[in-house]
């Protein structure tokens, strides 16, 4: 279980960063990246799905951490 938590955390972070990297490559809007929770960031459907998958993995890693404690 210890490795599952770390793998989920790292994988989730990498997936979220990948979604933001794709957004930045498409728009070159570096000002929007620090404010990713605002609605002004117009993600494509694919970027949105990558972002949500990464966030789900991050939440799963946090849940695994609480289960282990």
C-alpha atoms as a PDB file:
ATOM      1  CA  UNK A   1       0.000   0.000   0.000  1.00  0.00           C
ATOM      2  CA  UNK A   2       2.873   2.343   0.675  1.00  0.00           C
ATOM      3  CA  UNK A   3       3.987   2.273  -2.937  1.00  0.00           C
ATOM      4  CA  UNK A   4       0.435   2.618  -4.283  1.00  0.00           C
ATOM      5  CA  UNK A   5       0.033   5.912  -2.449  1.00  0.00           C
ATOM      6  CA  UNK A   6       3.279   7.337  -3.759  1.00  0.00           C
ATOM      7  CA  UNK A   7       2.689   6.099  -7.301  1.00  0.00           C
ATOM      8  CA  UNK A   8      -0.826   7.574  -7.346  1.00  0.00           C
ATOM      9  CA  UNK A   9       0.441  10.887  -5.992  1.00  0.00           C
ATOM     10  CA  UNK A  10       3.287  11.188  -8.498  1.00  0.00           C
ATOM     11  CA  UNK A  11       1.160   9.950 -11.406  1.00  0.00           C
ATOM     12  CA  UNK A  12      -1.647  12.371 -10.534  1.00  0.00           C
ATOM     13  CA  UNK A  13       0.747  15.285 -10.323  1.00  0.00           C
ATOM     14  CA  UNK A  14       2.366  14.353 -13.637  1.00  0.00           C
ATOM     15  CA  UNK A  15      -1.003  14.051 -15.365  1.00  0.00           C
ATOM     16  CA  UNK A  16      -2.184  17.440 -14.086  1.00  0.00           C
ATOM     17  CA  UNK A  17       1.084  19.047 -15.138  1.00  0.00           C
ATOM     18  CA  UNK A  18       0.749  17.382 -18.558  1.00  0.00           C
ATOM     19  CA  UNK A  19      -2.715  18.922 -19.002  1.00  0.00           C
ATOM     20  CA  UNK A  20      -1.356  22.374 -18.123  1.00  0.00           C
ATOM     21  CA  UNK A  21       1.637  21.887 -20.400  1.00  0.00           C
ATOM     22  CA  UNK A  22      -0.720  21.093 -23.287  1.00  0.00           C
ATOM     23  CA  UNK A  23      -2.746  24.222 -22.455  1.00  0.00           C
ATOM     24  CA  UNK A  24       0.389  26.343 -22.392  1.00  0.00           C
ATOM     25  CA  UNK A  25       1.679  24.909 -25.691  1.00  0.00           C
ATOM     26  CA  UNK A  26      -1.657  25.646 -27.334  1.00  0.00           C
ATOM     27  CA  UNK A  27      -2.207  29.167 -25.986  1.00  0.00           C
ATOM     28  CA  UNK A  28       1.214  30.414 -24.781  1.00  0.00           C
ATOM     29  CA  UNK A  29      -0.716  31.963 -21.879  1.00  0.00           C
ATOM     30  CA  UNK A  30       1.692  31.706 -18.960  1.00  0.00           C
ATOM     31  CA  UNK A  31      -0.387  34.188 -16.961  1.00  0.00           C
ATOM     32  CA  UNK A  32      -3.284  31.734 -16.772  1.00  0.00           C
ATOM     33  CA  UNK A  33      -1.280  28.832 -15.380  1.00  0.00           C
ATOM     34  CA  UNK A  34      -0.925  30.058 -11.771  1.00  0.00           C
ATOM     35  CA  UNK A  35      -4.681  30.755 -11.712  1.00  0.00           C
ATOM     36  CA  UNK A  36      -5.762  27.341 -12.992  1.00  0.00           C
ATOM     37  CA  UNK A  37      -8.831  27.201 -10.749  1.00  0.00           C
ATOM     38  CA  UNK A  38     -10.437  30.231 -12.414  1.00  0.00           C
ATOM     39  CA  UNK A  39     -12.854  29.910 -15.285  1.00  0.00           C
ATOM     40  CA  UNK A  40     -10.776  32.110 -17.589  1.00  0.00           C
ATOM     41  CA  UNK A  41      -8.598  29.121 -18.466  1.00  0.00           C
ATOM     42  CA  UNK A  42     -10.303  27.733 -21.585  1.00  0.00           C
ATOM     43  CA  UNK A  43      -9.290  24.080 -21.627  1.00  0.00           C
ATOM     44  CA  UNK A  44     -10.133  21.815 -24.533  1.00  0.00           C
ATOM     45  CA  UNK A  45     -12.141  18.680 -23.818  1.00  0.00           C
ATOM     46  CA  UNK A  46      -8.984  16.579 -23.885  1.00  0.00           C
ATOM     47  CA  UNK A  47      -7.094  18.907 -21.528  1.00  0.00           C
ATOM     48  CA  UNK A  48     -10.085  18.986 -19.186  1.00  0.00           C
ATOM     49  CA  UNK A  49     -10.244  15.190 -19.069  1.00  0.00           C
ATOM     50  CA  UNK A  50      -6.503  14.928 -18.363  1.00  0.00           C
ATOM     51  CA  UNK A  51      -6.834  17.501 -15.596  1.00  0.00           C
ATOM     52  CA  UNK A  52      -9.765  15.702 -13.965  1.00  0.00           C
ATOM     53  CA  UNK A  53      -8.046  12.318 -14.196  1.00  0.00           C
ATOM     54  CA  UNK A  54      -4.966  13.752 -12.481  1.00  0.00           C
ATOM     55  CA  UNK A  55      -7.028  15.365  -9.746  1.00  0.00           C
ATOM     56  CA  UNK A  56      -8.868  12.074  -9.201  1.00  0.00           C
ATOM     57  CA  UNK A  57      -5.553  10.268  -8.792  1.00  0.00           C
ATOM     58  CA  UNK A  58      -4.340  12.914  -6.354  1.00  0.00           C
ATOM     59  CA  UNK A  59      -7.508  12.530  -4.290  1.00  0.00           C
ATOM     60  CA  UNK A  60      -7.110   8.758  -4.431  1.00  0.00           C
ATOM     61  CA  UNK A  61      -3.582   9.089  -3.065  1.00  0.00           C
ATOM     62  CA  UNK A  62      -4.849  11.234  -0.197  1.00  0.00           C
ATOM     63  CA  UNK A  63      -7.588   8.676   0.539  1.00  0.00           C
ATOM     64  CA  UNK A  64      -4.987   5.889   0.589  1.00  0.00           C
ATOM     65  CA  UNK A  65      -2.951   7.924   3.047  1.00  0.00           C
ATOM     66  CA  UNK A  66      -5.912   8.254   5.406  1.00  0.00           C
ATOM     67  CA  UNK A  67      -6.756   4.563   5.110  1.00  0.00           C
ATOM     68  CA  UNK A  68      -3.207   3.639   6.104  1.00  0.00           C
ATOM     69  CA  UNK A  69      -3.184   5.912   9.150  1.00  0.00           C
END
